[in-house]
Amino acid sequence: MTRKKELSEPEIAPPDTEEEFETAPQAQTQHPCKVVLYNDEEHTYDYVVEMLTHASRLSRENAFRCAVEVDLTGRTIVHYGTREACAGVVARIAAYGPDHRLPQSMTSMNAEVQGC
């Protein structure tokens, strides 16, 4: 992800553990599938936050946390659910399109369903 900072959100420290950004343990046991979003250098933090609030229905705060995590670690989990629900999130991410802020951005971010 390109480090073009346009967000008004405050900076947050990197997480101590990956679990800090993941859904509550109950959701993990109830829904075996998850959506993993992968980092690239063709999307800004603003794009990731906007896309995740739309595609995963995350709050802006949680979407920003996921944007930081994907930038720092290369991937982040953005949704837990049934196979069908996760496939819907992946489809919305794919359909979101390129980041209009960056001329080199040609496609949406890459995400996939895992763990089913």
N, C-alpha and C. Protein backbone atom coordinates (compact mmCIF):
# COMPACT_ATOMS: atom_id res chain seq x y z
N MET A 1 0.86 -1.16 0.00
CA MET A 1 0.00 0.00 0.00
C MET A 1 0.90 1.22 0.00
N THR A 2 0.56 2.18 -0.80
CA THR A 2 1.33 3.40 -0.86
C THR A 2 1.07 4.22 0.38
N ARG A 3 2.10 4.82 0.91
CA ARG A 3 1.97 5.57 2.16
C ARG A 3 1.59 7.02 1.90
N LYS A 4 0.62 7.26 1.09
CA LYS A 4 0.09 8.59 0.86
C LYS A 4 -0.93 8.85 1.95
N LYS A 5 -0.61 9.74 2.87
CA LYS A 5 -1.48 9.96 4.03
C LYS A 5 -2.38 11.15 3.78
N GLU A 6 -3.65 10.86 3.65
CA GLU A 6 -4.65 11.91 3.49
C GLU A 6 -5.71 11.80 4.57
N LEU A 7 -5.62 10.81 5.39
CA LEU A 7 -6.64 10.58 6.39
C LEU A 7 -6.56 11.57 7.53
N SER A 8 -7.70 11.83 8.11
CA SER A 8 -7.73 12.70 9.28
C SER A 8 -7.68 11.90 10.56
N GLU A 9 -7.71 10.55 10.46
CA GLU A 9 -7.64 9.71 11.64
C GLU A 9 -6.28 9.84 12.30
N PRO A 10 -6.23 9.70 13.62
CA PRO A 10 -4.95 9.76 14.32
C PRO A 10 -4.12 8.53 14.01
N GLU A 11 -2.81 8.69 14.11
CA GLU A 11 -1.91 7.57 13.96
C GLU A 11 -2.12 6.61 15.12
N ILE A 12 -2.02 5.31 14.82
CA ILE A 12 -2.11 4.34 15.90
C ILE A 12 -0.86 3.48 15.88
N ALA A 13 -0.49 3.01 17.04
CA ALA A 13 0.70 2.18 17.14
C ALA A 13 0.44 0.82 16.52
N PRO A 14 1.48 0.16 15.99
CA PRO A 14 1.28 -1.18 15.44
C PRO A 14 0.83 -2.13 16.53
N PRO A 15 0.05 -3.14 16.15
CA PRO A 15 -0.45 -4.07 17.15
C PRO A 15 0.66 -4.94 17.70
N ASP A 16 0.50 -5.36 18.97
CA ASP A 16 1.44 -6.28 19.57
C ASP A 16 1.21 -7.69 19.03
N THR A 17 -0.04 -8.01 18.74
CA THR A 17 -0.37 -9.32 18.22
C THR A 17 -1.37 -9.18 17.10
N GLU A 18 -1.44 -10.19 16.27
CA GLU A 18 -2.38 -10.19 15.16
C GLU A 18 -3.82 -10.24 15.66
N GLU A 19 -4.06 -10.86 16.79
CA GLU A 19 -5.39 -11.03 17.31
C GLU A 19 -6.07 -9.69 17.62
N GLU A 20 -5.29 -8.65 17.81
CA GLU A 20 -5.85 -7.35 18.16
C GLU A 20 -6.82 -6.86 17.09
N PHE A 21 -6.60 -7.23 15.83
CA PHE A 21 -7.44 -6.76 14.74
C PHE A 21 -8.48 -7.78 14.30
N GLU A 22 -8.39 -8.98 14.78
CA GLU A 22 -9.29 -10.00 14.33
C GLU A 22 -10.61 -9.95 15.10
N THR A 23 -11.60 -10.56 14.50
CA THR A 23 -12.92 -10.63 15.11
C THR A 23 -12.86 -11.44 16.39
N ALA A 24 -13.81 -11.23 17.26
CA ALA A 24 -13.86 -11.92 18.56
C ALA A 24 -13.79 -13.43 18.37
N PRO A 25 -13.22 -14.15 19.35
CA PRO A 25 -13.08 -15.60 19.24
C PRO A 25 -14.40 -16.33 18.97
N GLN A 26 -15.53 -15.81 19.50
CA GLN A 26 -16.80 -16.48 19.26
C GLN A 26 -17.11 -16.53 17.76
N ALA A 27 -16.84 -15.44 17.06
CA ALA A 27 -17.12 -15.41 15.63
C ALA A 27 -16.25 -16.41 14.89
N GLN A 28 -15.02 -16.59 15.34
CA GLN A 28 -14.13 -17.53 14.68
C GLN A 28 -14.65 -18.95 14.82
N THR A 29 -15.21 -19.31 15.94
CA THR A 29 -15.70 -20.66 16.14
C THR A 29 -17.05 -20.87 15.46
N GLN A 30 -17.85 -19.83 15.34
CA GLN A 30 -19.16 -19.95 14.71
C GLN A 30 -19.07 -19.99 13.19
N HIS A 31 -18.08 -19.31 12.63
CA HIS A 31 -17.95 -19.21 11.18
C HIS A 31 -16.55 -19.65 10.77
N PRO A 32 -16.46 -20.75 10.07
CA PRO A 32 -15.13 -21.28 9.73
C PRO A 32 -14.42 -20.52 8.63
N CYS A 33 -15.11 -19.68 7.89
CA CYS A 33 -14.49 -18.99 6.76
C CYS A 33 -14.07 -17.58 7.14
N LYS A 34 -13.04 -17.09 6.45
CA LYS A 34 -12.58 -15.72 6.67
C LYS A 34 -12.15 -15.13 5.34
N VAL A 35 -12.18 -13.80 5.26
CA VAL A 35 -11.71 -13.08 4.09
C VAL A 35 -10.38 -12.44 4.44
N VAL A 36 -9.36 -12.77 3.66
CA VAL A 36 -8.03 -12.22 3.86
C VAL A 36 -7.76 -11.22 2.74
N LEU A 37 -7.38 -10.00 3.13
CA LEU A 37 -7.03 -8.93 2.20
C LEU A 37 -5.52 -8.84 2.15
N TYR A 38 -4.95 -8.73 0.94
CA TYR A 38 -3.50 -8.67 0.76
C TYR A 38 -3.04 -7.28 0.36
N ASN A 39 -1.85 -6.92 0.80
CA ASN A 39 -1.26 -5.62 0.53
C ASN A 39 -0.75 -5.52 -0.90
N ASP A 40 -0.68 -4.31 -1.38
CA ASP A 40 0.00 -3.99 -2.63
C ASP A 40 0.44 -2.53 -2.55
N GLU A 41 1.08 -2.05 -3.56
CA GLU A 41 1.57 -0.67 -3.57
C GLU A 41 0.73 0.23 -4.47
N GLU A 42 -0.49 -0.19 -4.79
CA GLU A 42 -1.32 0.56 -5.72
C GLU A 42 -2.56 1.17 -5.08
N HIS A 43 -2.61 1.21 -3.74
CA HIS A 43 -3.78 1.74 -3.07
C HIS A 43 -3.37 2.53 -1.82
N THR A 44 -4.06 3.63 -1.59
CA THR A 44 -3.78 4.48 -0.44
C THR A 44 -4.58 4.01 0.78
N TYR A 45 -4.21 4.53 1.94
CA TYR A 45 -4.98 4.26 3.16
C TYR A 45 -6.43 4.71 2.97
N ASP A 46 -6.62 5.88 2.38
CA ASP A 46 -7.98 6.38 2.15
C ASP A 46 -8.80 5.37 1.36
N TYR A 47 -8.21 4.83 0.30
CA TYR A 47 -8.91 3.84 -0.52
C TYR A 47 -9.29 2.63 0.31
N VAL A 48 -8.33 2.10 1.08
CA VAL A 48 -8.58 0.88 1.86
C VAL A 48 -9.72 1.12 2.85
N VAL A 49 -9.70 2.25 3.53
CA VAL A 49 -10.76 2.56 4.50
C VAL A 49 -12.11 2.65 3.80
N GLU A 50 -12.18 3.38 2.71
CA GLU A 50 -13.44 3.52 1.97
C GLU A 50 -13.93 2.17 1.46
N MET A 51 -13.03 1.41 0.86
CA MET A 51 -13.40 0.12 0.29
C MET A 51 -13.89 -0.84 1.38
N LEU A 52 -13.19 -0.90 2.52
CA LEU A 52 -13.59 -1.82 3.58
C LEU A 52 -14.89 -1.41 4.26
N THR A 53 -15.15 -0.11 4.39
CA THR A 53 -16.43 0.30 4.97
C THR A 53 -17.57 -0.08 4.03
N HIS A 54 -17.31 -0.08 2.75
CA HIS A 54 -18.32 -0.49 1.77
C HIS A 54 -18.42 -2.01 1.65
N ALA A 55 -17.29 -2.67 1.41
CA ALA A 55 -17.29 -4.09 1.09
C ALA A 55 -17.51 -4.99 2.30
N SER A 56 -16.89 -4.64 3.43
CA SER A 56 -16.97 -5.48 4.62
C SER A 56 -17.90 -4.91 5.68
N ARG A 57 -18.37 -3.70 5.42
CA ARG A 57 -19.25 -3.01 6.37
C ARG A 57 -18.59 -2.79 7.73
N LEU A 58 -17.26 -2.57 7.69
CA LEU A 58 -16.52 -2.25 8.91
C LEU A 58 -16.73 -0.78 9.24
N SER A 59 -16.57 -0.43 10.51
CA SER A 59 -16.57 0.99 10.89
C SER A 59 -15.31 1.62 10.33
N ARG A 60 -15.29 2.94 10.23
CA ARG A 60 -14.09 3.62 9.72
C ARG A 60 -12.89 3.31 10.61
N GLU A 61 -13.10 3.25 11.92
CA GLU A 61 -12.01 2.96 12.85
C GLU A 61 -11.44 1.56 12.61
N ASN A 62 -12.30 0.56 12.49
CA ASN A 62 -11.81 -0.80 12.25
C ASN A 62 -11.21 -0.94 10.86
N ALA A 63 -11.77 -0.25 9.88
CA ALA A 63 -11.21 -0.27 8.54
C ALA A 63 -9.81 0.35 8.53
N PHE A 64 -9.62 1.42 9.30
CA PHE A 64 -8.29 2.04 9.38
C PHE A 64 -7.30 1.09 10.06
N ARG A 65 -7.75 0.40 11.08
CA ARG A 65 -6.87 -0.58 11.74
C ARG A 65 -6.46 -1.68 10.76
N CYS A 66 -7.40 -2.14 9.96
CA CYS A 66 -7.07 -3.15 8.95
C CYS A 66 -6.10 -2.59 7.91
N ALA A 67 -6.28 -1.33 7.54
CA ALA A 67 -5.36 -0.70 6.58
C ALA A 67 -3.94 -0.66 7.14
N VAL A 68 -3.80 -0.33 8.41
CA VAL A 68 -2.48 -0.32 9.04
C VAL A 68 -1.91 -1.73 9.06
N GLU A 69 -2.73 -2.70 9.47
CA GLU A 69 -2.23 -4.07 9.56
C GLU A 69 -1.82 -4.62 8.20
N VAL A 70 -2.61 -4.39 7.17
CA VAL A 70 -2.25 -4.92 5.84
C VAL A 70 -0.97 -4.25 5.35
N ASP A 71 -0.78 -2.99 5.67
CA ASP A 71 0.44 -2.29 5.28
C ASP A 71 1.66 -2.83 6.03
N LEU A 72 1.51 -3.11 7.32
CA LEU A 72 2.64 -3.56 8.13
C LEU A 72 2.97 -5.04 7.95
N THR A 73 1.95 -5.87 7.77
CA THR A 73 2.18 -7.32 7.75
C THR A 73 1.96 -7.97 6.39
N GLY A 74 1.35 -7.27 5.47
CA GLY A 74 1.11 -7.83 4.14
C GLY A 74 -0.26 -8.46 3.97
N ARG A 75 -0.98 -8.64 5.07
CA ARG A 75 -2.34 -9.20 4.97
C ARG A 75 -3.12 -8.84 6.23
N THR A 76 -4.44 -8.94 6.11
CA THR A 76 -5.30 -8.72 7.26
C THR A 76 -6.61 -9.46 7.03
N ILE A 77 -7.23 -9.90 8.10
CA ILE A 77 -8.53 -10.54 8.02
C ILE A 77 -9.59 -9.45 8.17
N VAL A 78 -10.49 -9.39 7.18
CA VAL A 78 -11.48 -8.31 7.19
C VAL A 78 -12.90 -8.80 7.43
N HIS A 79 -13.09 -10.12 7.46
CA HIS A 79 -14.45 -10.64 7.68
C HIS A 79 -14.39 -12.11 8.06
N TYR A 80 -15.25 -12.52 8.98
CA TYR A 80 -15.51 -13.93 9.29
C TYR A 80 -16.97 -14.19 8.98
N GLY A 81 -17.26 -15.37 8.44
CA GLY A 81 -18.65 -15.70 8.18
C GLY A 81 -18.79 -17.01 7.45
N THR A 82 -19.97 -17.22 6.92
CA THR A 82 -20.22 -18.41 6.12
C THR A 82 -19.47 -18.28 4.80
N ARG A 83 -19.34 -19.38 4.08
CA ARG A 83 -18.68 -19.34 2.78
C ARG A 83 -19.38 -18.33 1.86
N GLU A 84 -20.70 -18.34 1.88
CA GLU A 84 -21.47 -17.45 1.00
C GLU A 84 -21.25 -15.98 1.37
N ALA A 85 -21.28 -15.68 2.66
CA ALA A 85 -21.07 -14.29 3.10
C ALA A 85 -19.66 -13.83 2.75
N CYS A 86 -18.68 -14.68 2.96
CA CYS A 86 -17.30 -14.33 2.64
C CYS A 86 -17.11 -14.13 1.14
N ALA A 87 -17.75 -14.99 0.35
CA ALA A 87 -17.67 -14.84 -1.11
C ALA A 87 -18.27 -13.50 -1.54
N GLY A 88 -19.33 -13.08 -0.88
CA GLY A 88 -19.93 -11.77 -1.18
C GLY A 88 -18.99 -10.62 -0.87
N VAL A 89 -18.27 -10.71 0.25
CA VAL A 89 -17.31 -9.67 0.61
C VAL A 89 -16.18 -9.63 -0.42
N VAL A 90 -15.67 -10.78 -0.81
CA VAL A 90 -14.60 -10.83 -1.82
C VAL A 90 -15.10 -10.23 -3.14
N ALA A 91 -16.32 -10.54 -3.52
CA ALA A 91 -16.88 -9.99 -4.76
C ALA A 91 -17.01 -8.46 -4.68
N ARG A 92 -17.43 -7.93 -3.53
CA ARG A 92 -17.53 -6.47 -3.38
C ARG A 92 -16.16 -5.81 -3.40
N ILE A 93 -15.15 -6.47 -2.81
CA ILE A 93 -13.79 -5.94 -2.87
C ILE A 93 -13.31 -5.90 -4.32
N ALA A 94 -13.52 -6.99 -5.05
CA ALA A 94 -13.09 -7.07 -6.46
C ALA A 94 -13.80 -6.03 -7.32
N ALA A 95 -15.06 -5.77 -7.02
CA ALA A 95 -15.84 -4.84 -7.82
C ALA A 95 -15.56 -3.38 -7.49
N TYR A 96 -14.85 -3.12 -6.40
CA TYR A 96 -14.65 -1.73 -5.96
C TYR A 96 -13.80 -0.93 -6.95
N GLY A 97 -12.92 -1.60 -7.65
CA GLY A 97 -12.14 -0.93 -8.69
C GLY A 97 -10.86 -0.31 -8.18
N PRO A 98 -10.15 0.38 -9.08
CA PRO A 98 -8.86 0.97 -8.74
C PRO A 98 -8.98 2.20 -7.86
N ASP A 99 -7.86 2.61 -7.30
CA ASP A 99 -7.77 3.81 -6.47
C ASP A 99 -7.57 5.01 -7.38
N HIS A 100 -8.56 5.87 -7.46
CA HIS A 100 -8.49 7.04 -8.35
C HIS A 100 -7.41 8.03 -7.93
N ARG A 101 -6.88 7.89 -6.73
CA ARG A 101 -5.84 8.81 -6.23
C ARG A 101 -4.46 8.52 -6.82
N LEU A 102 -4.28 7.30 -7.31
CA LEU A 102 -2.97 6.88 -7.82
C LEU A 102 -3.10 6.44 -9.27
N PRO A 103 -2.37 7.10 -10.17
CA PRO A 103 -2.47 6.75 -11.59
C PRO A 103 -2.04 5.31 -11.89
N GLN A 104 -1.13 4.75 -11.09
CA GLN A 104 -0.66 3.38 -11.33
C GLN A 104 -1.63 2.32 -10.85
N SER A 105 -2.68 2.72 -10.12
CA SER A 105 -3.66 1.76 -9.63
C SER A 105 -4.57 1.35 -10.78
N MET A 106 -4.54 0.06 -11.10
CA MET A 106 -5.32 -0.44 -12.23
C MET A 106 -6.47 -1.37 -11.82
N THR A 107 -6.39 -1.93 -10.62
CA THR A 107 -7.40 -2.90 -10.20
C THR A 107 -7.73 -2.70 -8.72
N SER A 108 -8.67 -3.49 -8.27
CA SER A 108 -9.01 -3.54 -6.85
C SER A 108 -7.89 -4.27 -6.11
N MET A 109 -7.99 -4.26 -4.78
CA MET A 109 -7.05 -5.04 -3.98
C MET A 109 -7.41 -6.52 -4.09
N ASN A 110 -6.46 -7.37 -3.76
CA ASN A 110 -6.65 -8.81 -3.83
C ASN A 110 -7.12 -9.33 -2.49
N ALA A 111 -8.17 -10.14 -2.52
CA ALA A 111 -8.69 -10.77 -1.30
C ALA A 111 -9.15 -12.18 -1.67
N GLU A 112 -9.16 -13.06 -0.66
CA GLU A 112 -9.63 -14.41 -0.91
C GLU A 112 -10.30 -14.99 0.33
N VAL A 113 -11.14 -15.99 0.11
CA VAL A 113 -11.80 -16.71 1.19
C VAL A 113 -10.85 -17.84 1.62
N GLN A 114 -10.67 -18.00 2.92
CA GLN A 114 -9.82 -19.06 3.45
C GLN A 114 -10.53 -19.77 4.61
N GLY A 115 -10.06 -20.96 4.91
CA GLY A 115 -10.47 -21.66 6.12
C GLY A 115 -11.76 -22.43 6.07
N CYS A 116 -12.35 -22.57 4.90
CA CYS A 116 -13.63 -23.29 4.81
C CYS A 116 -13.40 -24.77 4.57
